Amino acid sequence: MKTNKIHHIAIAGHNIEEAAKLYQNVLGLTLSGVKEIPSQKTNVGFVKCGGINIELIEPTGPDSTLAKFLEIRGQGLHHVCFEVDDMEAALKACLDEKITLIDKKPGLGSQHTKIAFIQPKSMGNVLVEFCELPKA
């Protein structure tokens, strides 16, 4: 498996617009817009700092996995996403190493990417996401 770079770092919160104000007022970063991801029951927005995207995420309802995360852990770092060339190869490499996957098959991400998550306990209690960019 080849990991290209960190694609984004996700920050969980209750309100993207309020979080974006902090990032703009304190850090001078601008929110590029907000998009709903129905399959994840979340809204996402990105601010860019250098070459790294910071993904601000909020739940769209109380039954989302993210809402449960916020209830237990509160606002803050949610996951780190690594860009990979080949999602299927990345998932197979994890299984070969006995890494527990949350997603055995990739889903659709906010930027038309393929995405899949790894169980945090398999990665030192860090939720890791893989994303594969759409082929041009």
N, C-alpha and C. Protein backbone atom coordinates (compact mmCIF):
# COMPACT_ATOMS: atom_id res chain seq x y z
N MET A 1 0.85 -1.18 0.00
CA MET A 1 0.00 0.00 0.00
C MET A 1 0.89 1.23 0.00
N LYS A 2 0.46 2.25 -0.72
CA LYS A 2 1.19 3.51 -0.76
C LYS A 2 0.30 4.62 -0.19
N THR A 3 0.80 5.28 0.84
CA THR A 3 0.11 6.43 1.40
C THR A 3 0.78 7.67 0.84
N ASN A 4 0.01 8.53 0.19
CA ASN A 4 0.56 9.70 -0.48
C ASN A 4 0.82 10.86 0.47
N LYS A 5 -0.16 11.16 1.31
CA LYS A 5 -0.05 12.31 2.20
C LYS A 5 -1.24 12.32 3.13
N ILE A 6 -1.21 13.23 4.09
CA ILE A 6 -2.41 13.47 4.89
C ILE A 6 -3.35 14.27 4.01
N HIS A 7 -4.54 13.74 3.82
CA HIS A 7 -5.54 14.43 3.01
C HIS A 7 -6.26 15.49 3.83
N HIS A 8 -6.66 15.11 5.06
CA HIS A 8 -7.28 16.09 5.95
C HIS A 8 -7.25 15.61 7.39
N ILE A 9 -7.47 16.56 8.27
CA ILE A 9 -7.64 16.29 9.69
C ILE A 9 -9.04 16.77 10.03
N ALA A 10 -9.83 15.89 10.64
CA ALA A 10 -11.22 16.22 10.92
C ALA A 10 -11.41 16.65 12.37
N ILE A 11 -12.16 17.74 12.53
CA ILE A 11 -12.50 18.28 13.84
C ILE A 11 -14.02 18.19 14.00
N ALA A 12 -14.46 17.50 15.03
CA ALA A 12 -15.89 17.31 15.28
C ALA A 12 -16.42 18.43 16.16
N GLY A 13 -17.60 18.88 15.82
CA GLY A 13 -18.25 19.92 16.62
C GLY A 13 -19.74 19.90 16.40
N HIS A 14 -20.41 20.77 17.12
CA HIS A 14 -21.87 20.85 17.03
C HIS A 14 -22.33 21.80 15.94
N ASN A 15 -21.46 22.74 15.52
CA ASN A 15 -21.89 23.76 14.56
C ASN A 15 -20.70 24.21 13.70
N ILE A 16 -20.73 23.84 12.44
CA ILE A 16 -19.63 24.18 11.53
C ILE A 16 -19.46 25.68 11.40
N GLU A 17 -20.55 26.40 11.25
CA GLU A 17 -20.47 27.85 11.04
C GLU A 17 -19.79 28.54 12.22
N GLU A 18 -20.11 28.13 13.44
CA GLU A 18 -19.48 28.72 14.63
C GLU A 18 -18.00 28.37 14.69
N ALA A 19 -17.67 27.11 14.37
CA ALA A 19 -16.26 26.71 14.36
C ALA A 19 -15.50 27.48 13.29
N ALA A 20 -16.12 27.64 12.13
CA ALA A 20 -15.47 28.35 11.02
C ALA A 20 -15.15 29.80 11.40
N LYS A 21 -16.01 30.42 12.20
CA LYS A 21 -15.75 31.79 12.64
C LYS A 21 -14.45 31.85 13.45
N LEU A 22 -14.24 30.87 14.31
CA LEU A 22 -13.00 30.82 15.09
C LEU A 22 -11.79 30.66 14.17
N TYR A 23 -11.87 29.74 13.24
CA TYR A 23 -10.76 29.51 12.33
C TYR A 23 -10.47 30.76 11.49
N GLN A 24 -11.52 31.50 11.13
CA GLN A 24 -11.33 32.72 10.34
C GLN A 24 -10.77 33.85 11.21
N ASN A 25 -11.42 34.09 12.35
CA ASN A 25 -11.05 35.23 13.19
C ASN A 25 -9.69 35.05 13.87
N VAL A 26 -9.38 33.84 14.27
CA VAL A 26 -8.14 33.60 15.01
C VAL A 26 -6.99 33.23 14.08
N LEU A 27 -7.27 32.41 13.05
CA LEU A 27 -6.20 31.88 12.20
C LEU A 27 -6.19 32.43 10.78
N GLY A 28 -7.22 33.19 10.43
CA GLY A 28 -7.29 33.77 9.10
C GLY A 28 -7.61 32.77 8.00
N LEU A 29 -8.23 31.65 8.36
CA LEU A 29 -8.59 30.61 7.39
C LEU A 29 -10.05 30.75 7.00
N THR A 30 -10.36 30.44 5.73
CA THR A 30 -11.70 30.65 5.21
C THR A 30 -12.39 29.33 4.92
N LEU A 31 -13.63 29.22 5.35
CA LEU A 31 -14.46 28.05 5.07
C LEU A 31 -14.82 28.04 3.59
N SER A 32 -14.61 26.90 2.93
CA SER A 32 -14.87 26.82 1.49
C SER A 32 -16.30 26.41 1.17
N GLY A 33 -17.13 26.24 2.16
CA GLY A 33 -18.52 25.83 1.94
C GLY A 33 -18.84 24.62 2.78
N VAL A 34 -20.11 24.30 2.85
CA VAL A 34 -20.58 23.17 3.65
C VAL A 34 -21.37 22.24 2.75
N LYS A 35 -21.14 20.94 2.94
CA LYS A 35 -21.82 19.93 2.13
C LYS A 35 -22.35 18.84 3.04
N GLU A 36 -23.56 18.36 2.75
CA GLU A 36 -24.14 17.27 3.52
C GLU A 36 -23.69 15.94 2.92
N ILE A 37 -23.35 15.00 3.81
CA ILE A 37 -23.00 13.64 3.43
C ILE A 37 -24.07 12.72 4.05
N PRO A 38 -25.16 12.49 3.34
CA PRO A 38 -26.28 11.72 3.91
C PRO A 38 -25.87 10.33 4.42
N SER A 39 -24.98 9.64 3.71
CA SER A 39 -24.59 8.29 4.13
C SER A 39 -23.87 8.29 5.47
N GLN A 40 -23.23 9.39 5.83
CA GLN A 40 -22.51 9.51 7.10
C GLN A 40 -23.33 10.27 8.15
N LYS A 41 -24.47 10.83 7.72
CA LYS A 41 -25.33 11.65 8.58
C LYS A 41 -24.54 12.81 9.18
N THR A 42 -23.75 13.46 8.30
CA THR A 42 -22.94 14.60 8.73
C THR A 42 -22.96 15.70 7.68
N ASN A 43 -22.61 16.89 8.13
CA ASN A 43 -22.27 18.00 7.26
C ASN A 43 -20.77 18.21 7.40
N VAL A 44 -20.12 18.56 6.30
CA VAL A 44 -18.68 18.80 6.32
C VAL A 44 -18.37 20.14 5.65
N GLY A 45 -17.35 20.78 6.16
CA GLY A 45 -16.83 22.00 5.55
C GLY A 45 -15.32 21.97 5.68
N PHE A 46 -14.63 22.59 4.72
CA PHE A 46 -13.17 22.56 4.74
C PHE A 46 -12.60 23.96 4.86
N VAL A 47 -11.55 24.06 5.67
CA VAL A 47 -10.68 25.22 5.66
C VAL A 47 -9.30 24.67 5.31
N LYS A 48 -8.54 25.42 4.56
CA LYS A 48 -7.23 24.95 4.11
C LYS A 48 -6.14 25.75 4.80
N CYS A 49 -5.11 25.04 5.25
CA CYS A 49 -3.94 25.68 5.85
C CYS A 49 -2.72 25.07 5.18
N GLY A 50 -2.05 25.87 4.35
CA GLY A 50 -0.95 25.31 3.56
C GLY A 50 -1.52 24.26 2.64
N GLY A 51 -0.94 23.10 2.62
CA GLY A 51 -1.43 22.03 1.77
C GLY A 51 -2.36 21.06 2.48
N ILE A 52 -2.74 21.36 3.71
CA ILE A 52 -3.57 20.44 4.49
C ILE A 52 -4.98 21.00 4.62
N ASN A 53 -5.96 20.13 4.39
CA ASN A 53 -7.35 20.48 4.64
C ASN A 53 -7.70 20.17 6.09
N ILE A 54 -8.44 21.07 6.69
CA ILE A 54 -9.03 20.81 8.00
C ILE A 54 -10.52 20.66 7.74
N GLU A 55 -11.05 19.48 8.05
CA GLU A 55 -12.45 19.18 7.81
C GLU A 55 -13.23 19.42 9.09
N LEU A 56 -14.14 20.37 9.05
CA LEU A 56 -15.03 20.62 10.17
C LEU A 56 -16.28 19.79 9.95
N ILE A 57 -16.65 18.98 10.93
CA ILE A 57 -17.79 18.09 10.77
C ILE A 57 -18.79 18.28 11.89
N GLU A 58 -20.06 18.16 11.53
CA GLU A 58 -21.16 18.24 12.50
C GLU A 58 -22.18 17.17 12.15
N PRO A 59 -22.87 16.61 13.14
CA PRO A 59 -23.90 15.62 12.85
C PRO A 59 -25.15 16.30 12.29
N THR A 60 -25.88 15.55 11.47
CA THR A 60 -27.15 16.09 10.95
C THR A 60 -28.34 15.61 11.76
N GLY A 61 -28.11 14.73 12.71
CA GLY A 61 -29.20 14.26 13.56
C GLY A 61 -28.66 13.53 14.76
N PRO A 62 -29.52 13.33 15.76
CA PRO A 62 -29.07 12.70 17.01
C PRO A 62 -28.74 11.22 16.86
N ASP A 63 -29.14 10.59 15.75
CA ASP A 63 -28.88 9.16 15.56
C ASP A 63 -27.61 8.89 14.78
N SER A 64 -26.84 9.92 14.45
CA SER A 64 -25.61 9.71 13.69
C SER A 64 -24.49 9.22 14.60
N THR A 65 -23.54 8.52 14.01
CA THR A 65 -22.36 8.06 14.75
C THR A 65 -21.61 9.25 15.33
N LEU A 66 -21.56 10.34 14.56
CA LEU A 66 -20.85 11.54 15.03
C LEU A 66 -21.53 12.15 16.26
N ALA A 67 -22.86 12.14 16.29
CA ALA A 67 -23.57 12.67 17.46
C ALA A 67 -23.22 11.85 18.70
N LYS A 68 -23.13 10.55 18.54
CA LYS A 68 -22.75 9.68 19.66
C LYS A 68 -21.31 9.96 20.09
N PHE A 69 -20.42 10.17 19.11
CA PHE A 69 -19.03 10.51 19.41
C PHE A 69 -18.98 11.79 20.26
N LEU A 70 -19.71 12.83 19.83
CA LEU A 70 -19.70 14.11 20.55
C LEU A 70 -20.27 13.96 21.95
N GLU A 71 -21.27 13.12 22.09
CA GLU A 71 -21.88 12.89 23.41
C GLU A 71 -20.87 12.27 24.38
N ILE A 72 -20.07 11.37 23.89
CA ILE A 72 -19.10 10.66 24.74
C ILE A 72 -17.81 11.47 24.91
N ARG A 73 -17.26 11.99 23.82
CA ARG A 73 -15.93 12.61 23.86
C ARG A 73 -15.92 14.12 23.79
N GLY A 74 -17.03 14.72 23.35
CA GLY A 74 -17.07 16.17 23.21
C GLY A 74 -16.41 16.61 21.91
N GLN A 75 -16.38 17.91 21.71
CA GLN A 75 -15.82 18.48 20.49
C GLN A 75 -14.30 18.33 20.47
N GLY A 76 -13.75 18.23 19.27
CA GLY A 76 -12.31 18.14 19.13
C GLY A 76 -11.90 17.24 17.99
N LEU A 77 -10.65 16.80 18.03
CA LEU A 77 -10.09 15.96 16.98
C LEU A 77 -10.95 14.70 16.80
N HIS A 78 -11.33 14.43 15.56
CA HIS A 78 -12.14 13.25 15.26
C HIS A 78 -11.33 12.18 14.55
N HIS A 79 -10.67 12.54 13.44
CA HIS A 79 -9.88 11.55 12.71
C HIS A 79 -8.82 12.21 11.84
N VAL A 80 -7.89 11.36 11.40
CA VAL A 80 -6.86 11.77 10.44
C VAL A 80 -7.09 10.93 9.19
N CYS A 81 -7.11 11.60 8.04
CA CYS A 81 -7.36 10.92 6.77
C CYS A 81 -6.10 10.91 5.91
N PHE A 82 -5.74 9.71 5.45
CA PHE A 82 -4.58 9.53 4.58
C PHE A 82 -5.05 9.22 3.17
N GLU A 83 -4.45 9.90 2.20
CA GLU A 83 -4.76 9.66 0.80
C GLU A 83 -3.98 8.44 0.33
N VAL A 84 -4.68 7.53 -0.33
CA VAL A 84 -4.05 6.33 -0.89
C VAL A 84 -4.34 6.25 -2.38
N ASP A 85 -3.46 5.56 -3.11
CA ASP A 85 -3.64 5.39 -4.56
C ASP A 85 -4.70 4.35 -4.89
N ASP A 86 -4.77 3.30 -4.07
CA ASP A 86 -5.63 2.16 -4.36
C ASP A 86 -6.33 1.72 -3.08
N MET A 87 -7.60 2.07 -2.96
CA MET A 87 -8.35 1.78 -1.74
C MET A 87 -8.41 0.28 -1.45
N GLU A 88 -8.70 -0.51 -2.46
CA GLU A 88 -8.82 -1.94 -2.24
C GLU A 88 -7.50 -2.53 -1.72
N ALA A 89 -6.37 -2.08 -2.28
CA ALA A 89 -5.07 -2.55 -1.82
C ALA A 89 -4.81 -2.10 -0.38
N ALA A 90 -5.22 -0.88 -0.04
CA ALA A 90 -5.03 -0.38 1.32
C ALA A 90 -5.83 -1.20 2.32
N LEU A 91 -7.07 -1.52 1.98
CA LEU A 91 -7.90 -2.32 2.89
C LEU A 91 -7.35 -3.74 3.02
N LYS A 92 -6.89 -4.30 1.91
CA LYS A 92 -6.30 -5.64 1.96
C LYS A 92 -5.04 -5.64 2.81
N ALA A 93 -4.21 -4.61 2.68
CA ALA A 93 -2.98 -4.53 3.48
C ALA A 93 -3.33 -4.48 4.97
N CYS A 94 -4.38 -3.76 5.33
CA CYS A 94 -4.81 -3.71 6.73
C CYS A 94 -5.25 -5.09 7.20
N LEU A 95 -6.07 -5.75 6.41
CA LEU A 95 -6.54 -7.09 6.79
C LEU A 95 -5.38 -8.06 6.92
N ASP A 96 -4.39 -7.96 6.02
CA ASP A 96 -3.21 -8.82 6.09
C ASP A 96 -2.44 -8.60 7.39
N GLU A 97 -2.50 -7.39 7.93
CA GLU A 97 -1.80 -7.05 9.18
C GLU A 97 -2.71 -7.24 10.41
N LYS A 98 -3.88 -7.84 10.21
CA LYS A 98 -4.85 -8.10 11.28
C LYS A 98 -5.41 -6.81 11.88
N ILE A 99 -5.49 -5.75 11.05
CA ILE A 99 -6.09 -4.48 11.46
C ILE A 99 -7.60 -4.60 11.28
N THR A 100 -8.35 -4.17 12.29
CA THR A 100 -9.80 -4.24 12.22
C THR A 100 -10.35 -3.02 11.48
N LEU A 101 -11.13 -3.30 10.46
CA LEU A 101 -11.73 -2.24 9.66
C LEU A 101 -13.15 -1.94 10.13
N ILE A 102 -13.52 -0.68 10.12
CA ILE A 102 -14.91 -0.30 10.31
C ILE A 102 -15.65 -0.54 9.00
N ASP A 103 -15.02 -0.13 7.90
CA ASP A 103 -15.61 -0.27 6.57
C ASP A 103 -14.82 -1.30 5.77
N LYS A 104 -15.45 -2.42 5.50
CA LYS A 104 -14.79 -3.46 4.71
C LYS A 104 -14.85 -3.15 3.22
N LYS A 105 -15.79 -2.28 2.84
CA LYS A 105 -15.91 -1.79 1.47
C LYS A 105 -15.94 -0.27 1.53
N PRO A 106 -15.33 0.41 0.55
CA PRO A 106 -15.31 1.87 0.58
C PRO A 106 -16.68 2.48 0.35
N GLY A 107 -16.88 3.65 0.97
CA GLY A 107 -18.07 4.45 0.74
C GLY A 107 -17.71 5.69 -0.05
N LEU A 108 -18.66 6.59 -0.19
CA LEU A 108 -18.45 7.81 -0.96
C LEU A 108 -18.23 8.97 0.00
N GLY A 109 -17.12 9.70 -0.20
CA GLY A 109 -16.79 10.84 0.63
C GLY A 109 -17.31 12.15 0.07
N SER A 110 -17.01 13.23 0.77
CA SER A 110 -17.55 14.55 0.45
C SER A 110 -17.02 15.13 -0.85
N GLN A 111 -15.86 14.71 -1.29
CA GLN A 111 -15.27 15.27 -2.51
C GLN A 111 -15.20 14.21 -3.61
N HIS A 112 -16.24 13.37 -3.66
CA HIS A 112 -16.33 12.28 -4.64
C HIS A 112 -15.17 11.29 -4.49
N THR A 113 -14.68 11.18 -3.27
CA THR A 113 -13.60 10.24 -2.98
C THR A 113 -14.19 8.92 -2.50
N LYS A 114 -13.39 7.85 -2.64
CA LYS A 114 -13.71 6.60 -1.96
C LYS A 114 -13.14 6.74 -0.56
N ILE A 115 -13.91 6.34 0.45
CA ILE A 115 -13.42 6.44 1.83
C ILE A 115 -13.67 5.14 2.59
N ALA A 116 -12.85 4.90 3.60
CA ALA A 116 -13.03 3.77 4.51
C ALA A 116 -12.30 4.11 5.82
N PHE A 117 -12.88 3.63 6.92
CA PHE A 117 -12.33 3.90 8.24
C PHE A 117 -11.76 2.63 8.88
N ILE A 118 -10.74 2.83 9.70
CA ILE A 118 -10.10 1.76 10.47
C ILE A 118 -10.53 1.91 11.93
N GLN A 119 -10.77 0.80 12.57
CA GLN A 119 -11.15 0.79 13.99
C GLN A 119 -10.04 1.45 14.81
N PRO A 120 -10.36 2.46 15.63
CA PRO A 120 -9.34 3.17 16.41
C PRO A 120 -8.46 2.27 17.28
N LYS A 121 -9.03 1.24 17.86
CA LYS A 121 -8.23 0.37 18.74
C LYS A 121 -7.10 -0.31 17.98
N SER A 122 -7.25 -0.45 16.66
CA SER A 122 -6.18 -1.05 15.85
C SER A 122 -5.08 -0.05 15.51
N MET A 123 -5.33 1.24 15.75
CA MET A 123 -4.38 2.29 15.37
C MET A 123 -4.02 3.18 16.56
N GLY A 124 -3.81 2.58 17.71
CA GLY A 124 -3.39 3.34 18.88
C GLY A 124 -4.44 4.34 19.36
N ASN A 125 -5.71 3.97 19.25
CA ASN A 125 -6.85 4.80 19.66
C ASN A 125 -7.02 6.07 18.83
N VAL A 126 -6.57 6.02 17.58
CA VAL A 126 -6.78 7.12 16.63
C VAL A 126 -7.67 6.60 15.51
N LEU A 127 -8.77 7.30 15.25
CA LEU A 127 -9.62 6.95 14.12
C LEU A 127 -8.90 7.39 12.86
N VAL A 128 -8.63 6.43 11.97
CA VAL A 128 -7.93 6.69 10.72
C VAL A 128 -8.89 6.44 9.56
N GLU A 129 -8.85 7.36 8.61
CA GLU A 129 -9.64 7.22 7.39
C GLU A 129 -8.66 7.15 6.22
N PHE A 130 -9.00 6.32 5.23
CA PHE A 130 -8.31 6.32 3.95
C PHE A 130 -9.23 6.99 2.94
N CYS A 131 -8.65 7.74 2.01
CA CYS A 131 -9.44 8.24 0.89
C CYS A 131 -8.66 8.06 -0.39
N GLU A 132 -9.38 7.73 -1.44
CA GLU A 132 -8.81 7.61 -2.77
C GLU A 132 -9.50 8.65 -3.64
N LEU A 133 -8.70 9.51 -4.24
CA LEU A 133 -9.25 10.58 -5.08
C LEU A 133 -9.83 9.99 -6.35
N PRO A 134 -10.84 10.66 -6.92
CA PRO A 134 -11.39 10.16 -8.19
C PRO A 134 -10.33 10.18 -9.28
N LYS A 135 -10.40 9.21 -10.14
CA LYS A 135 -9.46 9.14 -11.27
C LYS A 135 -9.85 10.20 -12.28
N ALA A 136 -8.88 10.94 -12.80
CA ALA A 136 -9.15 12.02 -13.76
C ALA A 136 -9.46 11.50 -15.15
